[in-house]
Amino acid sequence: MPTIQNMLNEQDLFFLQMMTELWGIEFESTNVSEARTVLIETLENRSLLLEMVESIPENARAAINILLENNGQIPWAKFRRDFGEIRIMGPSKRDRERPDLNPISVSEMLWYRGLIGRAFLKIKDEPEEYVYIPDEIVQVLHIETHSKKKSNIFSFPADQVKIKPFEDNILVDTCTFLAALRKGMNETLTAPHLLEIPYRFLFELLISAKIISKDGQVDSDATRVLLETPRAEALIFLFQTWMDSDQINELFCLSDLEIEGRIELNSKNVRKGLLEKLFLLDDQVWWDQNSYISDIHQNDPDFLRPAGNFDTWIIKNSKSNEYMRGFQFWDQIEGQFIRFMMNGPFRWFGILDLGGSNSAKGLKLFKVSDRGKAFWKRESNISIDRIEEKPRISSNGKVRISRNVPLAVRYQISRFCDWEIPKQKEFEYQISIDSLTAVSQYGLKPNHLLTLLQKSIEQAIPPQISNMLENWEKHGTESFLSTESLLRVNNPEIIVGLQKNNYSKFFKEIISPTIVVLNHGSEEKIRLAILELGYLTDWKIY
């Protein structure tokens, strides 16, 4: 933390003279160095300092106490919002307006008394402007008595919590996402098959992991390695990728927000900062989500926008089309962002355990998990409890695959099949002519699927499936089902007459002298033509 000397070095002689006047010091010299020396001795004098602090108004003492509770420093954007602006003035304007005697804010009152300074400090990853209390003053005011802030976060008894079990949907949906890309499915087609994770989040995560390119091309080798990696190791890999990623911007995953133009947001620092706050909590205690978010609102509202630019970001509510500018929309933007992070990535990676109350309906509770602590310490001793299962296939070519089937197996099988919407977390796929034809463009043949099924399913392959795949590879499509209009006549001369009158152009296929398949939409023309030949037609179309 900067010292009194650091703070006073920034000020000119007239500013220092105003300070000596406020402190009741008789000082006539025009030597800047002498003025600084006198003020340093004064501010370091315990009795004089405490007397000054006691003399300032209650709201100014409250500002000092809040600074002490935050280790003597607060981002300037937050302090300015809570305690007012410090006007920028040159010596001449200061002489005319005397802001030291006529402060417009608590900030100015403390500023001209030398109780606070301003400086760019690198407390987090990047320099940011802070208001601070100089080190010597902090020591005199006994910061150790204020080192722990009073928490406004509500805790909850563990025996009254209904815990939501952890599920590795981040891995399950990653498998679905990669298989969908390989099948050429776009976001609209893919999204209904994802259990939970937003398409955009997966897209940016896998770009960061170098498994797909920015244009959505899948790296086959990287995909194979990821899906064949034990699940716990794969989860660690994706977590570390997420933590280190500058590509992922979770703010864009909030469906209720539309962001226009460019915003300055270091998402890597934001997620790290939120996690640092979580790991300061007692990990043996269940906490209330809403009061936790309120605590951040009170103590660190600028976590998302360190520069305090609440009026420059252009964000619209996608439901109401209302533009949300200003600090009054904090809960709709920052608050919603925290809720997304806690119930989204922090849960997807197993950092938080989530739960609800057995008695208070709608109460959302959380605590840091053992897995989360291991992740935070970059440890690898985590596990995912799972009884590995195998796919099942019926004689009609429907394949059912639970979430417990190895990811690499589901990825491979799903590429050969049509997809149905997942039911009760079980994936259903259907072998069809269309699916086999589509996958053939990648050099995959029915015998590849047959070999894969023989290795992976839990029962013997139904003979119908083996025969079907073998016959299709040898002969292609051998049977067709279609809805057609048939013309049946008792007298073959009717069909001959139609041909003579140039109506054969409406024949799709002549099956026999008395049966013809008609082109779709030609039925009425043929009926009238037969009438001209002198015959009535018993015309029935079903």
Protein backbone atom coordinates (compact mmCIF):
# COMPACT_ATOMS: atom_id res chain seq x y z
CA MET A 1 0.00 0.00 0.00
CA PRO A 2 1.34 3.52 -0.76
CA THR A 3 2.71 5.55 2.15
CA ILE A 4 1.98 9.10 3.29
CA GLN A 5 5.13 10.15 1.44
CA ASN A 6 3.85 8.54 -1.79
CA MET A 7 0.53 10.33 -1.42
CA LEU A 8 2.03 13.78 -0.74
CA ASN A 9 4.56 13.49 -3.57
CA GLU A 10 1.66 13.85 -6.00
CA GLN A 11 0.55 17.24 -4.61
CA ASP A 12 1.67 20.81 -5.31
CA LEU A 13 2.57 23.46 -2.73
CA PHE A 14 -0.86 25.12 -2.62
CA PHE A 15 -2.55 21.77 -1.96
CA LEU A 16 -0.10 21.08 0.90
CA GLN A 17 -0.75 24.55 2.35
CA MET A 18 -4.50 23.84 2.37
CA MET A 19 -3.81 20.57 4.20
CA THR A 20 -1.72 22.30 6.89
CA GLU A 21 -4.55 24.78 7.41
CA LEU A 22 -7.11 21.99 7.89
CA TRP A 23 -4.79 20.28 10.36
CA GLY A 24 -4.29 23.54 12.30
CA ILE A 25 -0.58 23.78 11.51
CA GLU A 26 1.09 27.17 11.34
CA PHE A 27 3.30 26.94 8.28
CA GLU A 28 4.73 29.94 6.44
CA SER A 29 7.43 28.36 4.27
CA THR A 30 7.09 28.10 0.49
CA ASN A 31 9.37 25.07 0.34
CA VAL A 32 7.48 22.01 -0.91
CA SER A 33 9.88 19.56 0.73
CA GLU A 34 9.49 21.23 4.13
CA ALA A 35 5.71 21.19 3.79
CA ARG A 36 5.72 17.46 3.10
CA THR A 37 7.99 16.76 6.08
CA VAL A 38 5.74 18.70 8.46
CA LEU A 39 2.60 16.95 7.17
CA ILE A 40 4.16 13.48 7.39
CA GLU A 41 5.06 14.10 11.04
CA THR A 42 1.54 15.37 11.72
CA LEU A 43 -0.28 12.48 10.01
CA GLU A 44 1.91 9.94 11.80
CA ASN A 45 1.03 11.46 15.19
CA ARG A 46 -1.46 9.00 16.69
CA SER A 47 -3.31 11.46 18.91
CA LEU A 48 -3.62 14.11 16.21
CA LEU A 49 -4.79 11.52 13.68
CA LEU A 50 -7.47 10.07 15.97
CA GLU A 51 -8.57 13.60 16.87
CA MET A 52 -8.97 14.44 13.16
CA VAL A 53 -10.93 11.25 12.46
CA GLU A 54 -13.22 11.97 15.41
CA SER A 55 -13.83 15.51 14.15
CA ILE A 56 -15.10 14.60 10.68
CA PRO A 57 -18.82 13.92 10.08
CA GLU A 58 -20.29 10.47 10.64
CA ASN A 59 -20.65 9.70 6.92
CA ALA A 60 -16.95 10.45 6.41
CA ARG A 61 -15.99 8.17 9.33
CA ALA A 62 -18.19 5.48 7.75
CA ALA A 63 -16.17 5.79 4.55
CA ILE A 64 -12.93 5.37 6.54
CA ASN A 65 -14.33 2.26 8.25
CA ILE A 66 -15.39 0.72 4.93
CA LEU A 67 -11.89 1.28 3.57
CA LEU A 68 -10.41 -0.37 6.67
CA GLU A 69 -12.75 -3.33 6.26
CA ASN A 70 -11.40 -3.73 2.71
CA ASN A 71 -7.72 -3.76 3.72
CA GLY A 72 -7.41 -0.03 3.21
CA GLN A 73 -8.27 0.11 -0.48
CA ILE A 74 -11.38 0.20 -2.68
CA PRO A 75 -11.61 0.64 -6.46
CA TRP A 76 -12.06 4.33 -7.17
CA ALA A 77 -15.13 3.68 -9.37
CA LYS A 78 -17.01 2.13 -6.43
CA PHE A 79 -15.81 4.67 -3.86
CA ARG A 80 -16.79 7.56 -6.13
CA ARG A 81 -20.24 6.05 -6.64
CA ASP A 82 -20.77 5.62 -2.89
CA PHE A 83 -19.07 8.75 -1.53
CA GLY A 84 -18.97 11.26 -4.37
CA GLU A 85 -16.60 12.84 -6.85
CA ILE A 86 -13.31 14.69 -6.31
CA ARG A 87 -13.28 17.68 -8.63
CA ILE A 88 -10.21 18.19 -10.79
CA MET A 89 -8.86 21.72 -10.21
CA GLY A 90 -5.68 23.61 -10.90
CA PRO A 91 -4.11 25.92 -8.25
CA SER A 92 -6.00 29.02 -9.45
CA LYS A 93 -9.41 27.41 -9.39
CA ARG A 94 -8.68 25.83 -6.00
CA ASP A 95 -7.75 29.27 -4.67
CA ARG A 96 -11.06 30.71 -5.90
CA GLU A 97 -13.42 27.88 -4.88
CA ARG A 98 -11.54 26.47 -1.85
CA PRO A 99 -12.85 22.87 -2.12
CA ASP A 100 -10.99 22.10 1.12
CA LEU A 101 -13.36 24.43 2.98
CA ASN A 102 -16.40 23.75 0.76
CA PRO A 103 -16.26 20.07 -0.20
CA ILE A 104 -19.09 18.75 -2.36
CA SER A 105 -18.66 15.15 -1.19
CA VAL A 106 -17.24 12.86 1.47
CA SER A 107 -14.47 12.01 -1.00
CA GLU A 108 -13.34 15.63 -1.23
CA MET A 109 -13.50 16.07 2.55
CA LEU A 110 -11.14 13.11 3.10
CA TRP A 111 -8.97 13.99 0.10
CA TYR A 112 -8.03 17.48 1.24
CA ARG A 113 -7.28 16.23 4.75
CA GLY A 114 -4.82 13.69 3.37
CA LEU A 115 -6.76 10.77 4.86
CA ILE A 116 -7.10 9.12 1.44
CA GLY A 117 -5.06 9.02 -1.75
CA ARG A 118 -5.65 7.77 -5.28
CA ALA A 119 -3.32 5.61 -7.34
CA PHE A 120 -3.26 2.86 -9.95
CA LEU A 121 -2.46 -0.35 -8.06
CA LYS A 122 -1.92 -3.85 -9.41
CA ILE A 123 -3.92 -5.68 -6.75
CA LYS A 124 -5.46 -8.07 -9.26
CA ASP A 125 -3.99 -9.09 -12.61
CA GLU A 126 -4.19 -5.64 -14.19
CA PRO A 127 -3.59 -2.13 -12.79
CA GLU A 128 -6.75 -0.37 -11.63
CA GLU A 129 -7.34 2.98 -9.96
CA TYR A 130 -7.95 2.66 -6.21
CA VAL A 131 -8.71 4.93 -3.30
CA TYR A 132 -6.43 3.99 -0.41
CA ILE A 133 -5.54 4.92 3.13
CA PRO A 134 -1.74 5.30 3.46
CA ASP A 135 0.04 2.51 5.30
CA GLU A 136 1.02 4.53 8.37
CA ILE A 137 -2.56 5.73 8.91
CA VAL A 138 -3.90 2.21 8.52
CA GLN A 139 -1.54 1.01 11.25
CA VAL A 140 -2.56 3.80 13.62
CA LEU A 141 -6.25 3.09 13.07
CA HIS A 142 -5.67 -0.60 13.92
CA ILE A 143 -6.79 -2.29 10.72
CA GLU A 144 -6.38 -5.64 12.46
CA THR A 145 -9.62 -4.95 14.33
CA HIS A 146 -11.40 -4.55 11.01
CA SER A 147 -9.66 -7.23 8.97
CA LYS A 148 -12.71 -9.43 8.73
CA LYS A 149 -15.81 -7.96 7.18
CA LYS A 150 -19.13 -8.74 8.69
CA SER A 151 -20.78 -11.23 6.43
CA ASN A 152 -24.34 -10.68 5.28
CA ILE A 153 -24.47 -14.13 3.66
CA PHE A 154 -27.03 -16.46 5.21
CA SER A 155 -25.91 -19.97 6.11
CA PHE A 156 -28.17 -23.00 6.32
CA PRO A 157 -28.06 -26.21 8.40
CA ALA A 158 -26.63 -29.12 6.42
CA ASP A 159 -29.20 -31.58 7.75
CA GLN A 160 -31.98 -29.55 6.12
CA VAL A 161 -30.43 -29.45 2.64
CA LYS A 162 -31.62 -31.59 -0.25
CA ILE A 163 -28.44 -32.02 -2.30
CA LYS A 164 -28.54 -32.06 -6.09
CA PRO A 165 -26.13 -34.81 -7.21
CA PHE A 166 -23.26 -33.90 -9.51
CA GLU A 167 -23.64 -34.99 -13.15
CA ASP A 168 -20.89 -34.69 -15.74
CA ASN A 169 -23.16 -33.14 -18.37
CA ILE A 170 -20.23 -31.05 -19.60
CA LEU A 171 -18.61 -34.27 -20.86
CA VAL A 172 -21.83 -35.83 -22.14
CA ASP A 173 -22.79 -32.70 -24.09
CA THR A 174 -19.24 -32.30 -25.41
CA CYS A 175 -19.56 -35.77 -26.97
CA THR A 176 -22.95 -34.88 -28.49
CA PHE A 177 -21.62 -31.57 -29.79
CA LEU A 178 -18.58 -33.09 -31.50
CA ALA A 179 -20.63 -35.88 -33.10
CA ALA A 180 -23.15 -33.31 -34.36
CA LEU A 181 -20.38 -31.23 -35.95
CA ARG A 182 -19.03 -34.32 -37.72
CA LYS A 183 -22.53 -35.04 -39.05
CA GLY A 184 -22.78 -31.49 -40.38
CA MET A 185 -25.54 -30.46 -37.97
CA ASN A 186 -25.91 -26.73 -37.27
CA GLU A 187 -26.79 -25.07 -33.94
CA THR A 188 -30.55 -25.30 -34.51
CA LEU A 189 -30.39 -29.05 -35.15
CA THR A 190 -27.88 -29.73 -32.37
CA ALA A 191 -29.35 -27.72 -29.46
CA PRO A 192 -32.34 -30.04 -28.74
CA HIS A 193 -29.93 -32.94 -28.19
CA LEU A 194 -27.80 -31.12 -25.57
CA LEU A 195 -28.78 -31.98 -22.01
CA GLU A 196 -27.76 -28.68 -20.44
CA ILE A 197 -24.69 -26.86 -21.74
CA PRO A 198 -25.33 -23.95 -24.16
CA TYR A 199 -24.11 -24.46 -27.71
CA ARG A 200 -22.07 -21.25 -27.70
CA PHE A 201 -20.26 -22.17 -24.47
CA LEU A 202 -19.27 -25.58 -25.88
CA PHE A 203 -18.19 -24.04 -29.17
CA GLU A 204 -15.82 -21.56 -27.50
CA LEU A 205 -14.59 -24.11 -24.94
CA LEU A 206 -13.59 -26.60 -27.63
CA ILE A 207 -11.91 -23.89 -29.70
CA SER A 208 -9.90 -22.99 -26.60
CA ALA A 209 -9.04 -26.68 -26.16
CA LYS A 210 -7.86 -26.83 -29.81
CA ILE A 211 -10.29 -29.65 -30.54
CA ILE A 212 -12.20 -27.67 -33.15
CA SER A 213 -11.18 -24.73 -35.31
CA LYS A 214 -12.88 -21.33 -35.33
CA ASP A 215 -14.86 -22.34 -38.41
CA GLY A 216 -16.14 -25.50 -36.69
CA GLN A 217 -13.85 -28.09 -38.27
CA VAL A 218 -13.25 -31.05 -35.95
CA ASP A 219 -9.73 -32.30 -35.26
CA SER A 220 -10.28 -36.08 -35.38
CA ASP A 221 -7.16 -37.01 -33.43
CA ALA A 222 -7.79 -34.47 -30.66
CA THR A 223 -11.42 -35.61 -30.45
CA ARG A 224 -10.43 -39.24 -30.13
CA VAL A 225 -7.91 -38.45 -27.36
CA LEU A 226 -10.47 -36.40 -25.40
CA LEU A 227 -13.29 -38.95 -25.64
CA GLU A 228 -11.03 -41.90 -24.80
CA THR A 229 -9.50 -40.11 -21.78
CA PRO A 230 -10.90 -41.28 -18.39
CA ARG A 231 -13.76 -38.99 -17.44
CA ALA A 232 -12.13 -37.46 -14.36
CA GLU A 233 -9.02 -36.53 -16.38
CA ALA A 234 -11.16 -35.16 -19.22
CA LEU A 235 -13.08 -33.02 -16.72
CA ILE A 236 -9.84 -31.62 -15.29
CA PHE A 237 -8.60 -30.85 -18.81
CA LEU A 238 -11.77 -28.98 -19.76
CA PHE A 239 -11.81 -27.11 -16.44
CA GLN A 240 -8.22 -25.90 -16.83
CA THR A 241 -8.94 -24.98 -20.46
CA TRP A 242 -11.92 -22.92 -19.31
CA MET A 243 -10.00 -21.19 -16.52
CA ASP A 244 -7.15 -20.20 -18.86
CA SER A 245 -9.34 -19.21 -21.82
CA ASP A 246 -9.56 -15.68 -23.20
CA GLN A 247 -11.89 -17.00 -25.92
CA ILE A 248 -14.92 -17.75 -23.73
CA ASN A 249 -17.14 -14.83 -22.71
CA GLU A 250 -19.88 -16.12 -20.43
CA LEU A 251 -21.79 -12.83 -20.61
CA PHE A 252 -22.83 -13.74 -24.16
CA CYS A 253 -24.36 -17.00 -22.87
CA LEU A 254 -27.09 -15.11 -20.98
CA SER A 255 -30.10 -15.57 -23.25
CA ASP A 256 -32.03 -12.62 -21.77
CA LEU A 257 -29.33 -10.12 -22.73
CA GLU A 258 -28.52 -8.65 -26.12
CA ILE A 259 -25.13 -6.94 -26.23
CA GLU A 260 -24.60 -4.31 -28.90
CA GLY A 261 -21.21 -3.05 -29.95
CA ARG A 262 -17.94 -3.91 -28.27
CA ILE A 263 -17.47 -4.23 -24.53
CA GLU A 264 -14.20 -4.33 -22.64
CA LEU A 265 -14.34 -7.45 -20.49
CA ASN A 266 -11.49 -9.65 -19.28
CA SER A 267 -13.60 -12.77 -18.76
CA LYS A 268 -10.59 -14.78 -17.57
CA ASN A 269 -10.00 -12.36 -14.70
CA VAL A 270 -13.72 -12.17 -13.91
CA ARG A 271 -14.17 -15.92 -13.47
CA LYS A 272 -10.95 -16.10 -11.44
CA GLY A 273 -12.13 -13.25 -9.20
CA LEU A 274 -15.52 -14.88 -8.58
CA LEU A 275 -13.87 -18.17 -7.70
CA GLU A 276 -11.46 -16.44 -5.31
CA LYS A 277 -14.47 -15.05 -3.44
CA LEU A 278 -16.10 -18.49 -3.25
CA PHE A 279 -12.99 -20.12 -1.84
CA LEU A 280 -12.88 -17.58 0.99
CA LEU A 281 -16.13 -19.08 2.31
CA ASP A 282 -16.27 -21.90 4.83
CA ASP A 283 -16.53 -24.99 2.64
CA GLN A 284 -18.29 -26.96 5.37
CA VAL A 285 -21.26 -24.58 5.37
CA TRP A 286 -24.23 -24.32 3.01
CA TRP A 287 -24.84 -20.74 1.87
CA ASP A 288 -27.82 -18.93 0.39
CA GLN A 289 -27.27 -17.85 -3.23
CA ASN A 290 -29.37 -14.67 -3.12
CA SER A 291 -27.69 -13.22 -0.02
CA TYR A 292 -24.28 -14.14 -1.48
CA ILE A 293 -25.08 -12.14 -4.62
CA SER A 294 -26.34 -9.26 -2.46
CA ASP A 295 -23.03 -9.30 -0.58
CA ILE A 296 -21.12 -8.89 -3.85
CA HIS A 297 -23.51 -6.10 -4.81
CA GLN A 298 -22.62 -4.31 -1.60
CA ASN A 299 -18.89 -4.98 -1.37
CA ASP A 300 -17.62 -5.56 -4.92
CA PRO A 301 -20.23 -4.35 -7.42
CA ASP A 302 -17.60 -3.50 -10.06
CA PHE A 303 -16.28 -7.08 -10.40
CA LEU A 304 -17.54 -7.25 -14.00
CA ARG A 305 -16.68 -3.67 -14.96
CA PRO A 306 -13.56 -2.57 -13.04
CA ALA A 307 -13.69 0.86 -14.68
CA GLY A 308 -17.22 1.34 -13.37
CA ASN A 309 -18.55 1.92 -16.89
CA PHE A 310 -22.21 1.28 -16.12
CA ASP A 311 -23.33 3.86 -18.68
CA THR A 312 -21.15 2.90 -21.66
CA TRP A 313 -22.08 -0.75 -22.25
CA ILE A 314 -25.09 -1.08 -24.54
CA ILE A 315 -27.13 -4.01 -23.24
CA LYS A 316 -30.77 -4.69 -24.00
CA ASN A 317 -33.28 -6.99 -22.31
CA SER A 318 -34.23 -9.38 -25.11
CA LYS A 319 -37.73 -9.90 -23.68
CA SER A 320 -38.75 -6.31 -22.99
CA ASN A 321 -36.43 -4.63 -25.55
CA GLU A 322 -35.48 -2.20 -22.76
CA TYR A 323 -31.94 -0.79 -22.81
CA MET A 324 -30.25 -1.26 -19.44
CA ARG A 325 -27.83 1.56 -18.70
CA GLY A 326 -26.77 2.66 -15.26
CA PHE A 327 -26.03 1.07 -11.92
CA GLN A 328 -29.75 0.53 -11.21
CA PHE A 329 -29.67 -2.45 -13.60
CA TRP A 330 -26.93 -4.22 -11.62
CA ASP A 331 -29.12 -7.18 -10.62
CA GLN A 332 -30.42 -7.71 -14.17
CA ILE A 333 -26.86 -7.84 -15.55
CA GLU A 334 -24.20 -8.48 -12.89
CA GLY A 335 -26.59 -10.34 -10.59
CA GLN A 336 -27.85 -12.51 -13.44
CA PHE A 337 -24.27 -13.14 -14.54
CA ILE A 338 -23.32 -14.45 -11.09
CA ARG A 339 -26.41 -16.69 -11.03
CA PHE A 340 -25.44 -18.08 -14.43
CA MET A 341 -21.87 -18.77 -13.28
CA MET A 342 -22.95 -20.47 -10.04
CA ASN A 343 -25.68 -22.61 -11.61
CA GLY A 344 -23.77 -23.03 -14.87
CA PRO A 345 -19.97 -23.44 -15.19
CA PHE A 346 -19.29 -23.66 -11.44
CA ARG A 347 -21.75 -26.56 -11.25
CA TRP A 348 -20.94 -28.11 -14.65
CA PHE A 349 -17.33 -28.58 -13.57
CA GLY A 350 -18.34 -29.73 -10.09
CA ILE A 351 -16.80 -26.75 -8.27
CA LEU A 352 -19.98 -26.14 -6.30
CA ASP A 353 -22.42 -28.52 -4.69
CA LEU A 354 -25.95 -27.20 -5.12
CA GLY A 355 -29.00 -27.94 -3.07
CA GLY A 356 -32.38 -26.78 -1.89
CA SER A 357 -34.13 -26.51 1.44
CA ASN A 358 -36.39 -29.26 2.72
CA SER A 359 -38.55 -26.61 4.39
CA ALA A 360 -38.12 -23.31 2.50
CA LYS A 361 -39.40 -23.79 -1.04
CA GLY A 362 -37.38 -22.10 -3.79
CA LEU A 363 -34.32 -21.44 -1.64
CA LYS A 364 -31.12 -22.07 -3.66
CA LEU A 365 -28.14 -23.17 -1.59
CA PHE A 366 -24.50 -23.91 -2.39
CA LYS A 367 -21.16 -24.83 -0.91
CA VAL A 368 -17.69 -25.41 -2.33
CA SER A 369 -17.25 -29.11 -3.15
CA ASP A 370 -14.27 -31.33 -2.42
CA ARG A 371 -13.84 -31.62 -6.18
CA GLY A 372 -13.82 -27.83 -6.43
CA LYS A 373 -11.09 -27.55 -3.80
CA ALA A 374 -8.98 -30.08 -5.69
CA PHE A 375 -9.50 -28.18 -8.95
CA TRP A 376 -8.53 -24.89 -7.33
CA LYS A 377 -5.30 -26.38 -6.02
CA ARG A 378 -4.62 -27.93 -9.46
CA GLU A 379 -4.72 -31.39 -7.93
CA SER A 380 -5.53 -34.46 -10.00
CA ASN A 381 -6.90 -36.77 -7.30
CA ILE A 382 -10.56 -36.50 -8.26
CA SER A 383 -12.91 -39.25 -9.36
CA ILE A 384 -16.26 -39.61 -11.05
CA ASP A 385 -18.29 -42.48 -9.67
CA ARG A 386 -19.79 -44.39 -12.57
CA ILE A 387 -20.86 -47.94 -13.41
CA GLU A 388 -19.92 -48.30 -17.06
CA GLU A 389 -22.75 -49.54 -19.27
CA LYS A 390 -23.08 -50.79 -22.84
CA PRO A 391 -25.38 -49.82 -25.72
CA ARG A 392 -28.50 -51.85 -26.52
CA ILE A 393 -29.92 -52.51 -29.99
CA SER A 394 -33.31 -53.86 -31.06
CA SER A 395 -34.15 -55.89 -34.13
CA ASN A 396 -35.65 -52.82 -35.85
CA GLY A 397 -32.32 -50.96 -35.80
CA LYS A 398 -32.96 -48.67 -32.81
CA VAL A 399 -29.89 -48.16 -30.61
CA ARG A 400 -30.27 -46.98 -27.00
CA ILE A 401 -27.24 -45.54 -25.24
CA SER A 402 -27.23 -44.32 -21.63
CA ARG A 403 -25.02 -41.49 -20.36
CA ASN A 404 -22.85 -44.14 -18.67
CA VAL A 405 -21.73 -45.68 -21.96
CA PRO A 406 -18.12 -44.68 -22.84
CA LEU A 407 -18.19 -41.39 -24.70
CA ALA A 408 -16.04 -42.63 -27.57
CA VAL A 409 -18.50 -45.48 -28.22
CA ARG A 410 -21.53 -43.19 -28.35
CA TYR A 411 -19.68 -40.73 -30.57
CA GLN A 412 -18.84 -43.44 -33.11
CA ILE A 413 -22.25 -45.15 -33.14
CA SER A 414 -24.20 -41.90 -33.32
CA ARG A 415 -22.46 -40.89 -36.53
CA PHE A 416 -24.05 -43.85 -38.36
CA CYS A 417 -27.59 -43.11 -37.20
CA ASP A 418 -30.50 -40.69 -37.25
CA TRP A 419 -30.93 -38.94 -33.89
CA GLU A 420 -33.99 -38.79 -31.71
CA ILE A 421 -34.47 -36.28 -28.88
CA PRO A 422 -32.95 -37.71 -25.63
CA LYS A 423 -35.49 -39.18 -23.22
CA GLN A 424 -34.74 -39.42 -19.49
CA LYS A 425 -31.04 -38.92 -20.19
CA GLU A 426 -30.91 -41.87 -22.56
CA PHE A 427 -29.92 -41.30 -26.15
CA GLU A 428 -31.85 -43.04 -28.94
CA TYR A 429 -30.55 -43.53 -32.46
CA GLN A 430 -32.06 -45.18 -35.54
CA ILE A 431 -30.13 -46.94 -38.30
CA SER A 432 -31.63 -45.90 -41.64
CA ILE A 433 -30.82 -45.69 -45.34
CA ASP A 434 -30.45 -41.91 -45.04
CA SER A 435 -27.99 -42.17 -42.14
CA LEU A 436 -25.88 -44.85 -43.83
CA THR A 437 -25.87 -42.91 -47.09
CA ALA A 438 -24.85 -39.68 -45.32
CA VAL A 439 -21.96 -41.24 -43.43
CA SER A 440 -20.62 -42.97 -46.57
CA GLN A 441 -19.28 -39.59 -47.77
CA TYR A 442 -16.73 -39.79 -44.92
CA GLY A 443 -15.59 -43.24 -46.06
CA LEU A 444 -17.56 -45.05 -43.32
CA LYS A 445 -19.25 -48.26 -44.40
CA PRO A 446 -21.92 -50.51 -42.83
CA ASN A 447 -19.30 -53.13 -41.94
CA HIS A 448 -17.57 -50.47 -39.78
CA LEU A 449 -20.80 -50.05 -37.82
CA LEU A 450 -21.27 -53.81 -37.61
CA THR A 451 -17.77 -54.23 -36.16
CA LEU A 452 -18.36 -51.40 -33.72
CA LEU A 453 -21.64 -52.93 -32.52
CA GLN A 454 -20.07 -56.36 -32.13
CA LYS A 455 -17.42 -54.88 -29.82
CA SER A 456 -19.61 -52.61 -27.74
CA ILE A 457 -23.22 -53.76 -27.25
CA GLU A 458 -24.25 -55.80 -24.24
CA GLN A 459 -26.11 -58.57 -26.12
CA ALA A 460 -25.60 -60.50 -29.34
CA ILE A 461 -26.45 -58.48 -32.43
CA PRO A 462 -29.92 -59.45 -33.71
CA PRO A 463 -29.46 -61.44 -36.95
CA GLN A 464 -31.80 -59.04 -38.74
CA ILE A 465 -29.35 -56.18 -38.09
CA SER A 466 -26.33 -58.16 -39.28
CA ASN A 467 -28.16 -59.25 -42.44
CA MET A 468 -29.46 -55.73 -43.08
CA LEU A 469 -26.01 -54.11 -42.85
CA GLU A 470 -24.32 -56.82 -44.92
CA ASN A 471 -26.99 -56.72 -47.65
CA TRP A 472 -27.00 -52.92 -47.82
CA GLU A 473 -23.23 -52.81 -48.24
CA LYS A 474 -23.39 -55.40 -51.04
CA HIS A 475 -26.50 -54.30 -52.90
CA GLY A 476 -27.57 -50.91 -51.63
CA THR A 477 -31.29 -50.23 -51.26
CA GLU A 478 -33.33 -53.28 -52.20
CA SER A 479 -36.86 -52.32 -51.21
CA PHE A 480 -38.96 -49.17 -51.36
CA LEU A 481 -42.14 -48.01 -49.71
CA SER A 482 -44.09 -45.21 -51.35
CA THR A 483 -47.58 -43.83 -51.84
CA GLU A 484 -48.60 -44.00 -55.52
CA SER A 485 -51.74 -43.62 -57.69
CA LEU A 486 -52.50 -46.82 -59.60
CA LEU A 487 -54.72 -47.02 -62.67
CA ARG A 488 -56.32 -50.47 -62.95
CA VAL A 489 -58.46 -51.31 -66.02
CA ASN A 490 -60.34 -54.41 -67.07
CA ASN A 491 -59.94 -53.66 -70.76
CA PRO A 492 -56.28 -53.26 -71.91
CA GLU A 493 -57.54 -51.14 -74.82
CA ILE A 494 -58.04 -48.20 -72.43
CA ILE A 495 -54.32 -48.01 -71.68
CA VAL A 496 -53.53 -48.45 -75.41
CA GLY A 497 -55.93 -45.61 -76.20
CA LEU A 498 -54.28 -43.32 -73.65
CA GLN A 499 -50.89 -44.05 -75.19
CA LYS A 500 -52.19 -43.26 -78.72
CA ASN A 501 -53.55 -39.91 -77.52
CA ASN A 502 -50.21 -38.93 -76.02
CA TYR A 503 -51.24 -39.43 -72.39
CA SER A 504 -48.39 -41.82 -71.71
CA LYS A 505 -46.38 -38.80 -70.56
CA PHE A 506 -48.39 -39.06 -67.31
CA PHE A 507 -47.35 -42.70 -66.81
CA LYS A 508 -44.66 -43.21 -64.24
CA GLU A 509 -44.43 -46.96 -64.81
CA ILE A 510 -46.42 -49.60 -66.72
CA ILE A 511 -46.63 -52.63 -64.47
CA SER A 512 -48.84 -54.77 -66.72
CA PRO A 513 -51.28 -54.31 -69.68
CA THR A 514 -54.00 -53.44 -67.13
CA ILE A 515 -52.02 -51.60 -64.34
CA VAL A 516 -50.15 -48.30 -64.61
CA VAL A 517 -48.45 -46.15 -61.94
CA LEU A 518 -49.38 -42.50 -62.55
CA ASN A 519 -47.33 -39.39 -61.95
CA HIS A 520 -48.43 -37.47 -58.90
CA GLY A 521 -51.04 -34.81 -59.77
CA SER A 522 -52.07 -36.33 -63.11
CA GLU A 523 -55.11 -38.23 -61.83
CA GLU A 524 -57.79 -35.76 -62.98
CA LYS A 525 -56.27 -35.42 -66.47
CA ILE A 526 -56.28 -39.21 -66.89
CA ARG A 527 -59.92 -39.44 -65.68
CA LEU A 528 -61.04 -36.91 -68.29
CA ALA A 529 -59.00 -38.65 -71.01
CA ILE A 530 -60.65 -41.98 -70.20
CA LEU A 531 -64.05 -40.26 -70.35
CA GLU A 532 -63.22 -39.05 -73.87
CA LEU A 533 -62.48 -42.66 -74.79
CA GLY A 534 -66.05 -43.53 -73.75
CA TYR A 535 -65.44 -45.07 -70.35
CA LEU A 536 -66.48 -44.09 -66.83
CA THR A 537 -63.89 -44.42 -64.07
CA ASP A 538 -64.48 -45.63 -60.55
CA TRP A 539 -62.08 -43.09 -59.10
CA LYS A 540 -60.93 -43.59 -55.52
CA ILE A 541 -57.94 -41.82 -54.03
CA TYR A 542 -57.05 -42.56 -50.40
